[in-house]
Amino acid sequence: DGYFEQVVRQCRYSSKDLQGIEFIDSYVFNKAEYVRFNSTVGKYVGYTEHGVYNAEAWNKGPELAGELGQLERYCKPNADLHYSA
């Protein structure tokens, strides 16, 4: 019944020196990821026809600038919490 939409945001830490942090923002519809932002890649990438359409639009709009700042705003300040857990 109905539809399932989910956004998964995660920081991946590979070292304590904060050089290996990666921010990933995944968009999922009915259990299939259709578009993803990866800070290592530096842009949105689409995995379905709809995802490619969104990725192209978001890479040209203000959405990309917002995502590019998430590594500094969200991941780096929370690194201490990650390593203390």
PDB file of N, CA and C in Angstrom:
ATOM      1  N   ASP A   1       0.826  -1.186   0.000  1.00  0.00           N
ATOM      2  CA  ASP A   1       0.000   0.000   0.000  1.00  0.00           C
ATOM      3  C   ASP A   1       0.869   1.247   0.000  1.00  0.00           C
ATOM      4  N   GLY A   2       0.703   2.099  -0.956  1.00  0.00           N
ATOM      5  CA  GLY A   2       1.389   3.379  -0.964  1.00  0.00           C
ATOM      6  C   GLY A   2       2.815   3.291  -1.455  1.00  0.00           C
ATOM      7  N   TYR A   3       3.532   4.358  -1.156  1.00  0.00           N
ATOM      8  CA  TYR A   3       4.907   4.498  -1.628  1.00  0.00           C
ATOM      9  C   TYR A   3       5.829   4.712  -0.437  1.00  0.00           C
ATOM     10  N   PHE A   4       7.080   4.402  -0.648  1.00  0.00           N
ATOM     11  CA  PHE A   4       8.086   4.528   0.396  1.00  0.00           C
ATOM     12  C   PHE A   4       9.196   5.436  -0.123  1.00  0.00           C
ATOM     13  N   GLU A   5       9.426   6.568   0.546  1.00  0.00           N
ATOM     14  CA  GLU A   5      10.519   7.450   0.183  1.00  0.00           C
ATOM     15  C   GLU A   5      11.392   7.674   1.400  1.00  0.00           C
ATOM     16  N   GLN A   6      12.689   7.693   1.165  1.00  0.00           N
ATOM     17  CA  GLN A   6      13.639   7.799   2.267  1.00  0.00           C
ATOM     18  C   GLN A   6      14.848   8.596   1.805  1.00  0.00           C
ATOM     19  N   VAL A   7      15.385   9.412   2.707  1.00  0.00           N
ATOM     20  CA  VAL A   7      16.640  10.109   2.476  1.00  0.00           C
ATOM     21  C   VAL A   7      17.598   9.637   3.560  1.00  0.00           C
ATOM     22  N   VAL A   8      18.757   9.156   3.154  1.00  0.00           N
ATOM     23  CA  VAL A   8      19.751   8.655   4.098  1.00  0.00           C
ATOM     24  C   VAL A   8      20.990   9.534   3.983  1.00  0.00           C
ATOM     25  N   ARG A   9      21.347  10.186   5.085  1.00  0.00           N
ATOM     26  CA  ARG A   9      22.545  11.026   5.122  1.00  0.00           C
ATOM     27  C   ARG A   9      23.531  10.374   6.075  1.00  0.00           C
ATOM     28  N   GLN A  10      24.751  10.243   5.603  1.00  0.00           N
ATOM     29  CA  GLN A  10      25.746   9.600   6.456  1.00  0.00           C
ATOM     30  C   GLN A  10      27.127  10.203   6.252  1.00  0.00           C
ATOM     31  N   CYS A  11      27.892  10.163   7.317  1.00  0.00           N
ATOM     32  CA  CYS A  11      29.289  10.555   7.274  1.00  0.00           C
ATOM     33  C   CYS A  11      30.101   9.284   7.439  1.00  0.00           C
ATOM     34  N   ARG A  12      31.057   9.104   6.587  1.00  0.00           N
ATOM     35  CA  ARG A  12      31.951   7.948   6.704  1.00  0.00           C
ATOM     36  C   ARG A  12      33.328   8.460   7.076  1.00  0.00           C
ATOM     37  N   TYR A  13      33.820   7.950   8.191  1.00  0.00           N
ATOM     38  CA  TYR A  13      35.114   8.379   8.722  1.00  0.00           C
ATOM     39  C   TYR A  13      36.119   7.245   8.520  1.00  0.00           C
ATOM     40  N   SER A  14      37.225   7.547   7.858  1.00  0.00           N
ATOM     41  CA  SER A  14      38.229   6.504   7.647  1.00  0.00           C
ATOM     42  C   SER A  14      39.482   6.732   8.483  1.00  0.00           C
ATOM     43  N   SER A  15      39.616   7.929   9.089  1.00  0.00           N
ATOM     44  CA  SER A  15      40.770   8.184   9.950  1.00  0.00           C
ATOM     45  C   SER A  15      40.442   9.325  10.903  1.00  0.00           C
ATOM     46  N   LYS A  16      41.159   9.384  11.996  1.00  0.00           N
ATOM     47  CA  LYS A  16      40.903  10.419  12.996  1.00  0.00           C
ATOM     48  C   LYS A  16      41.436  11.788  12.580  1.00  0.00           C
ATOM     49  N   ASP A  17      42.266  11.867  11.556  1.00  0.00           N
ATOM     50  CA  ASP A  17      42.832  13.154  11.166  1.00  0.00           C
ATOM     51  C   ASP A  17      41.869  13.999  10.331  1.00  0.00           C
ATOM     52  N   LEU A  18      40.655  13.521  10.119  1.00  0.00           N
ATOM     53  CA  LEU A  18      39.568  14.218   9.419  1.00  0.00           C
ATOM     54  C   LEU A  18      39.835  14.437   7.934  1.00  0.00           C
ATOM     55  N   GLN A  19      40.887  13.840   7.406  1.00  0.00           N
ATOM     56  CA  GLN A  19      41.160  13.971   5.976  1.00  0.00           C
ATOM     57  C   GLN A  19      40.357  12.980   5.151  1.00  0.00           C
ATOM     58  N   GLY A  20      39.940  11.899   5.772  1.00  0.00           N
ATOM     59  CA  GLY A  20      39.241  10.859   5.037  1.00  0.00           C
ATOM     60  C   GLY A  20      37.736  10.856   5.242  1.00  0.00           C
ATOM     61  N   ILE A  21      37.149  11.994   5.578  1.00  0.00           N
ATOM     62  CA  ILE A  21      35.706  12.043   5.805  1.00  0.00           C
ATOM     63  C   ILE A  21      34.987  12.120   4.463  1.00  0.00           C
ATOM     64  N   GLU A  22      33.898  11.378   4.389  1.00  0.00           N
ATOM     65  CA  GLU A  22      33.075  11.372   3.180  1.00  0.00           C
ATOM     66  C   GLU A  22      31.619  11.568   3.605  1.00  0.00           C
ATOM     67  N   PHE A  23      30.932  12.502   2.968  1.00  0.00           N
ATOM     68  CA  PHE A  23      29.519  12.740   3.224  1.00  0.00           C
ATOM     69  C   PHE A  23      28.716  12.169   2.062  1.00  0.00           C
ATOM     70  N   ILE A  24      27.705  11.358   2.386  1.00  0.00           N
ATOM     71  CA  ILE A  24      26.863  10.739   1.370  1.00  0.00           C
ATOM     72  C   ILE A  24      25.407  11.050   1.692  1.00  0.00           C
ATOM     73  N   ASP A  25      24.692  11.507   0.682  1.00  0.00           N
ATOM     74  CA  ASP A  25      23.273  11.836   0.802  1.00  0.00           C
ATOM     75  C   ASP A  25      22.540  11.029  -0.266  1.00  0.00           C
ATOM     76  N   SER A  26      21.815   9.998   0.150  1.00  0.00           N
ATOM     77  CA  SER A  26      21.148   9.080  -0.777  1.00  0.00           C
ATOM     78  C   SER A  26      19.641   9.295  -0.754  1.00  0.00           C
ATOM     79  N   TYR A  27      19.032   9.271  -1.926  1.00  0.00           N
ATOM     80  CA  TYR A  27      17.586   9.410  -2.074  1.00  0.00           C
ATOM     81  C   TYR A  27      17.033   8.098  -2.605  1.00  0.00           C
ATOM     82  N   VAL A  28      16.070   7.538  -1.871  1.00  0.00           N
ATOM     83  CA  VAL A  28      15.543   6.208  -2.155  1.00  0.00           C
ATOM     84  C   VAL A  28      14.037   6.297  -2.349  1.00  0.00           C
ATOM     85  N   PHE A  29      13.540   5.616  -3.384  1.00  0.00           N
ATOM     86  CA  PHE A  29      12.105   5.538  -3.615  1.00  0.00           C
ATOM     87  C   PHE A  29      11.744   4.077  -3.830  1.00  0.00           C
ATOM     88  N   ASN A  30      10.827   3.573  -3.009  1.00  0.00           N
ATOM     89  CA  ASN A  30      10.421   2.162  -3.057  1.00  0.00           C
ATOM     90  C   ASN A  30      11.631   1.216  -3.035  1.00  0.00           C
ATOM     91  N   LYS A  31      12.523   1.478  -2.103  1.00  0.00           N
ATOM     92  CA  LYS A  31      13.696   0.654  -1.813  1.00  0.00           C
ATOM     93  C   LYS A  31      14.771   0.679  -2.893  1.00  0.00           C
ATOM     94  N   ALA A  32      14.659   1.570  -3.873  1.00  0.00           N
ATOM     95  CA  ALA A  32      15.672   1.685  -4.924  1.00  0.00           C
ATOM     96  C   ALA A  32      16.286   3.083  -4.872  1.00  0.00           C
ATOM     97  N   GLU A  33      17.595   3.138  -4.699  1.00  0.00           N
ATOM     98  CA  GLU A  33      18.280   4.422  -4.683  1.00  0.00           C
ATOM     99  C   GLU A  33      18.249   5.002  -6.099  1.00  0.00           C
ATOM    100  N   TYR A  34      17.787   6.253  -6.203  1.00  0.00           N
ATOM    101  CA  TYR A  34      17.694   6.845  -7.533  1.00  0.00           C
ATOM    102  C   TYR A  34      18.657   8.001  -7.753  1.00  0.00           C
ATOM    103  N   VAL A  35      19.140   8.635  -6.695  1.00  0.00           N
ATOM    104  CA  VAL A  35      20.142   9.686  -6.841  1.00  0.00           C
ATOM    105  C   VAL A  35      20.964   9.763  -5.556  1.00  0.00           C
ATOM    106  N   ARG A  36      22.245  10.142  -5.717  1.00  0.00           N
ATOM    107  CA  ARG A  36      23.148  10.219  -4.562  1.00  0.00           C
ATOM    108  C   ARG A  36      24.107  11.383  -4.744  1.00  0.00           C
ATOM    109  N   PHE A  37      24.350  12.083  -3.624  1.00  0.00           N
ATOM    110  CA  PHE A  37      25.437  13.054  -3.575  1.00  0.00           C
ATOM    111  C   PHE A  37      26.551  12.425  -2.766  1.00  0.00           C
ATOM    112  N   ASN A  38      27.765  12.516  -3.274  1.00  0.00           N
ATOM    113  CA  ASN A  38      28.935  12.000  -2.578  1.00  0.00           C
ATOM    114  C   ASN A  38      29.963  13.129  -2.557  1.00  0.00           C
ATOM    115  N   SER A  39      30.427  13.514  -1.365  1.00  0.00           N
ATOM    116  CA  SER A  39      31.368  14.634  -1.261  1.00  0.00           C
ATOM    117  C   SER A  39      32.692  14.335  -1.954  1.00  0.00           C
ATOM    118  N   THR A  40      33.070  13.081  -2.078  1.00  0.00           N
ATOM    119  CA  THR A  40      34.301  12.725  -2.773  1.00  0.00           C
ATOM    120  C   THR A  40      34.166  12.996  -4.272  1.00  0.00           C
ATOM    121  N   VAL A  41      32.995  12.697  -4.813  1.00  0.00           N
ATOM    122  CA  VAL A  41      32.717  12.949  -6.228  1.00  0.00           C
ATOM    123  C   VAL A  41      32.442  14.438  -6.442  1.00  0.00           C
ATOM    124  N   GLY A  42      31.754  15.072  -5.476  1.00  0.00           N
ATOM    125  CA  GLY A  42      31.489  16.501  -5.530  1.00  0.00           C
ATOM    126  C   GLY A  42      30.270  16.897  -6.334  1.00  0.00           C
ATOM    127  N   LYS A  43      29.409  15.934  -6.624  1.00  0.00           N
ATOM    128  CA  LYS A  43      28.187  16.243  -7.364  1.00  0.00           C
ATOM    129  C   LYS A  43      27.175  15.127  -7.159  1.00  0.00           C
ATOM    130  N   TYR A  44      25.954  15.378  -7.622  1.00  0.00           N
ATOM    131  CA  TYR A  44      24.902  14.365  -7.600  1.00  0.00           C
ATOM    132  C   TYR A  44      25.103  13.420  -8.784  1.00  0.00           C
ATOM    133  N   VAL A  45      24.786  12.146  -8.551  1.00  0.00           N
ATOM    134  CA  VAL A  45      24.821  11.133  -9.610  1.00  0.00           C
ATOM    135  C   VAL A  45      23.485  10.405  -9.587  1.00  0.00           C
ATOM    136  N   GLY A  46      22.849  10.285 -10.746  1.00  0.00           N
ATOM    137  CA  GLY A  46      21.573   9.600 -10.849  1.00  0.00           C
ATOM    138  C   GLY A  46      21.745   8.151 -11.253  1.00  0.00           C
ATOM    139  N   TYR A  47      20.880   7.279 -10.731  1.00  0.00           N
ATOM    140  CA  TYR A  47      20.955   5.842 -11.014  1.00  0.00           C
ATOM    141  C   TYR A  47      19.747   5.331 -11.778  1.00  0.00           C
ATOM    142  N   THR A  48      18.731   6.154 -11.936  1.00  0.00           N
ATOM    143  CA  THR A  48      17.545   5.805 -12.716  1.00  0.00           C
ATOM    144  C   THR A  48      17.280   6.974 -13.656  1.00  0.00           C
ATOM    145  N   GLU A  49      16.321   6.815 -14.543  1.00  0.00           N
ATOM    146  CA  GLU A  49      15.990   7.914 -15.456  1.00  0.00           C
ATOM    147  C   GLU A  49      15.578   9.161 -14.673  1.00  0.00           C
ATOM    148  N   HIS A  50      14.727   8.964 -13.676  1.00  0.00           N
ATOM    149  CA  HIS A  50      14.293  10.081 -12.831  1.00  0.00           C
ATOM    150  C   HIS A  50      15.478  10.646 -12.040  1.00  0.00           C
ATOM    151  N   GLY A  51      16.347   9.774 -11.551  1.00  0.00           N
ATOM    152  CA  GLY A  51      17.509  10.215 -10.790  1.00  0.00           C
ATOM    153  C   GLY A  51      18.493  11.014 -11.628  1.00  0.00           C
ATOM    154  N   VAL A  52      18.703  10.605 -12.870  1.00  0.00           N
ATOM    155  CA  VAL A  52      19.595  11.338 -13.770  1.00  0.00           C
ATOM    156  C   VAL A  52      19.035  12.732 -14.030  1.00  0.00           C
ATOM    157  N   TYR A  53      17.723  12.805 -14.256  1.00  0.00           N
ATOM    158  CA  TYR A  53      17.057  14.095 -14.469  1.00  0.00           C
ATOM    159  C   TYR A  53      17.262  15.010 -13.255  1.00  0.00           C
ATOM    160  N   ASN A  54      17.006  14.479 -12.045  1.00  0.00           N
ATOM    161  CA  ASN A  54      17.190  15.271 -10.826  1.00  0.00           C
ATOM    162  C   ASN A  54      18.639  15.663 -10.627  1.00  0.00           C
ATOM    163  N   ALA A  55      19.562  14.740 -10.838  1.00  0.00           N
ATOM    164  CA  ALA A  55      20.985  15.023 -10.639  1.00  0.00           C
ATOM    165  C   ALA A  55      21.437  16.164 -11.540  1.00  0.00           C
ATOM    166  N   GLU A  56      21.024  16.141 -12.797  1.00  0.00           N
ATOM    167  CA  GLU A  56      21.411  17.204 -13.717  1.00  0.00           C
ATOM    168  C   GLU A  56      20.883  18.558 -13.256  1.00  0.00           C
ATOM    169  N   ALA A  57      19.632  18.586 -12.816  1.00  0.00           N
ATOM    170  CA  ALA A  57      19.033  19.835 -12.345  1.00  0.00           C
ATOM    171  C   ALA A  57      19.686  20.301 -11.045  1.00  0.00           C
ATOM    172  N   TRP A  58      19.879  19.401 -10.113  1.00  0.00           N
ATOM    173  CA  TRP A  58      20.443  19.772  -8.804  1.00  0.00           C
ATOM    174  C   TRP A  58      21.904  20.186  -8.916  1.00  0.00           C
ATOM    175  N   ASN A  59      22.651  19.619  -9.846  1.00  0.00           N
ATOM    176  CA  ASN A  59      24.053  20.005 -10.029  1.00  0.00           C
ATOM    177  C   ASN A  59      24.182  21.419 -10.592  1.00  0.00           C
ATOM    178  N   LYS A  60      23.121  21.939 -11.199  1.00  0.00           N
ATOM    179  CA  LYS A  60      23.131  23.300 -11.757  1.00  0.00           C
ATOM    180  C   LYS A  60      22.490  24.311 -10.813  1.00  0.00           C
ATOM    181  N   GLY A  61      21.839  23.845  -9.765  1.00  0.00           N
ATOM    182  CA  GLY A  61      21.078  24.735  -8.890  1.00  0.00           C
ATOM    183  C   GLY A  61      21.716  24.927  -7.526  1.00  0.00           C
ATOM    184  N   PRO A  62      20.974  25.578  -6.621  1.00  0.00           N
ATOM    185  CA  PRO A  62      21.490  25.864  -5.275  1.00  0.00           C
ATOM    186  C   PRO A  62      21.633  24.610  -4.413  1.00  0.00           C
ATOM    187  N   GLU A  63      21.030  23.511  -4.809  1.00  0.00           N
ATOM    188  CA  GLU A  63      21.122  22.275  -4.023  1.00  0.00           C
ATOM    189  C   GLU A  63      22.571  21.811  -3.891  1.00  0.00           C
ATOM    190  N   LEU A  64      23.349  21.950  -4.961  1.00  0.00           N
ATOM    191  CA  LEU A  64      24.739  21.489  -4.941  1.00  0.00           C
ATOM    192  C   LEU A  64      25.565  22.269  -3.919  1.00  0.00           C
ATOM    193  N   ALA A  65      25.402  23.571  -3.870  1.00  0.00           N
ATOM    194  CA  ALA A  65      26.150  24.387  -2.900  1.00  0.00           C
ATOM    195  C   ALA A  65      25.821  23.971  -1.469  1.00  0.00           C
ATOM    196  N   GLY A  66      24.556  23.660  -1.224  1.00  0.00           N
ATOM    197  CA  GLY A  66      24.159  23.207   0.108  1.00  0.00           C
ATOM    198  C   GLY A  66      24.810  21.899   0.492  1.00  0.00           C
ATOM    199  N   GLU A  67      24.866  20.981  -0.450  1.00  0.00           N
ATOM    200  CA  GLU A  67      25.486  19.676  -0.178  1.00  0.00           C
ATOM    201  C   GLU A  67      26.988  19.805   0.030  1.00  0.00           C
ATOM    202  N   LEU A  68      27.642  20.655  -0.751  1.00  0.00           N
ATOM    203  CA  LEU A  68      29.086  20.805  -0.638  1.00  0.00           C
ATOM    204  C   LEU A  68      29.497  21.298   0.744  1.00  0.00           C
ATOM    205  N   GLY A  69      28.628  22.035   1.426  1.00  0.00           N
ATOM    206  CA  GLY A  69      28.940  22.534   2.760  1.00  0.00           C
ATOM    207  C   GLY A  69      28.645  21.561   3.884  1.00  0.00           C
ATOM    208  N   GLN A  70      27.955  20.464   3.600  1.00  0.00           N
ATOM    209  CA  GLN A  70      27.563  19.531   4.657  1.00  0.00           C
ATOM    210  C   GLN A  70      28.758  18.855   5.330  1.00  0.00           C
ATOM    211  N   LEU A  71      29.804  18.618   4.598  1.00  0.00           N
ATOM    212  CA  LEU A  71      30.994  17.989   5.183  1.00  0.00           C
ATOM    213  C   LEU A  71      31.523  18.850   6.337  1.00  0.00           C
ATOM    214  N   GLU A  72      31.606  20.160   6.105  1.00  0.00           N
ATOM    215  CA  GLU A  72      32.092  21.076   7.136  1.00  0.00           C
ATOM    216  C   GLU A  72      31.060  21.305   8.238  1.00  0.00           C
ATOM    217  N   ARG A  73      29.786  21.443   7.862  1.00  0.00           N
ATOM    218  CA  ARG A  73      28.738  21.775   8.834  1.00  0.00           C
ATOM    219  C   ARG A  73      28.295  20.592   9.674  1.00  0.00           C
ATOM    220  N   TYR A  74      28.289  19.413   9.083  1.00  0.00           N
ATOM    221  CA  TYR A  74      27.683  18.260   9.753  1.00  0.00           C
ATOM    222  C   TYR A  74      28.708  17.200  10.150  1.00  0.00           C
ATOM    223  N   CYS A  75      29.546  16.788   9.239  1.00  0.00           N
ATOM    224  CA  CYS A  75      30.449  15.666   9.515  1.00  0.00           C
ATOM    225  C   CYS A  75      31.601  16.028  10.448  1.00  0.00           C
ATOM    226  N   LYS A  76      32.308  17.098  10.146  1.00  0.00           N
ATOM    227  CA  LYS A  76      33.484  17.433  10.959  1.00  0.00           C
ATOM    228  C   LYS A  76      33.134  17.753  12.409  1.00  0.00           C
ATOM    229  N   PRO A  77      32.068  18.517  12.698  1.00  0.00           N
ATOM    230  CA  PRO A  77      31.733  18.775  14.106  1.00  0.00           C
ATOM    231  C   PRO A  77      31.306  17.515  14.870  1.00  0.00           C
ATOM    232  N   ASN A  78      30.819  16.515  14.172  1.00  0.00           N
ATOM    233  CA  ASN A  78      30.362  15.295  14.833  1.00  0.00           C
ATOM    234  C   ASN A  78      31.401  14.181  14.851  1.00  0.00           C
ATOM    235  N   ALA A  79      32.587  14.438  14.339  1.00  0.00           N
ATOM    236  CA  ALA A  79      33.625  13.417  14.303  1.00  0.00           C
ATOM    237  C   ALA A  79      34.001  12.952  15.708  1.00  0.00           C
ATOM    238  N   ASP A  80      34.097  13.868  16.658  1.00  0.00           N
ATOM    239  CA  ASP A  80      34.454  13.494  18.030  1.00  0.00           C
ATOM    240  C   ASP A  80      33.426  12.534  18.619  1.00  0.00           C
ATOM    241  N   LEU A  81      32.135  12.771  18.330  1.00  0.00           N
ATOM    242  CA  LEU A  81      31.097  11.869  18.813  1.00  0.00           C
ATOM    243  C   LEU A  81      31.253  10.472  18.198  1.00  0.00           C
ATOM    244  N   HIS A  82      31.601  10.438  16.942  1.00  0.00           N
ATOM    245  CA  HIS A  82      31.790   9.146  16.261  1.00  0.00           C
ATOM    246  C   HIS A  82      32.921   8.346  16.891  1.00  0.00           C
ATOM    247  N   TYR A  83      34.041   9.008  17.137  1.00  0.00           N
ATOM    248  CA  TYR A  83      35.205   8.302  17.666  1.00  0.00           C
ATOM    249  C   TYR A  83      35.105   8.008  19.162  1.00  0.00           C
ATOM    250  N   SER A  84      34.254   8.739  19.885  1.00  0.00           N
ATOM    251  CA  SER A  84      34.113   8.463  21.318  1.00  0.00           C
ATOM    252  C   SER A  84      33.123   7.340  21.592  1.00  0.00           C
ATOM    253  N   ALA A  85      32.324   6.977  20.601  1.00  0.00           N
ATOM    254  CA  ALA A  85      31.322   5.925  20.801  1.00  0.00           C
ATOM    255  C   ALA A  85      31.936   4.537  20.737  1.00  0.00           C
TER     256      ALA A  85
END
